[in-house]
Amino acid sequence: MIEYPMTAVVARREFEYRGPDGIVALIAAIGQPARMPDSDDDWYCPWQINAAGAMQSRWAGGVDAMQALLCALAGMRADLEVFAQEGTLTFLDGLDLMMDLPGGEA
């Protein structure tokens, strides 16, 4: 898979993750949508998840910045759900991560 660089962070959230190695802060950050360097028309939106120094970087693409952003938010949520299945992921001391998009998924 092509790797596109992280852009300026436009939003971040800190979660608490309880996994096999104990309790750690898990920080999710989403970058500003940007044009794909190898395309004249398409956009990408990167996100990162950092848990105890282990960084996971991904991106989602779209036909414009809005679609790329919405797809990135949906992708980030899916990645966070994997963490929640492997341990306990909480936000503001609750299991609701508050990552649902109003009106449904992107």
Foldseek 3Di string as FASTA:
>chain_A
DDDDDAAAWPDKAWKWAQAPVGIWIKMKTKGQKDADPVDPFKIKIKMWIATPRDIDIDIAMDRDRVVRVLVNLVVVVVVVVVSCVRTNIGHPPHRPPPSADPPGGD
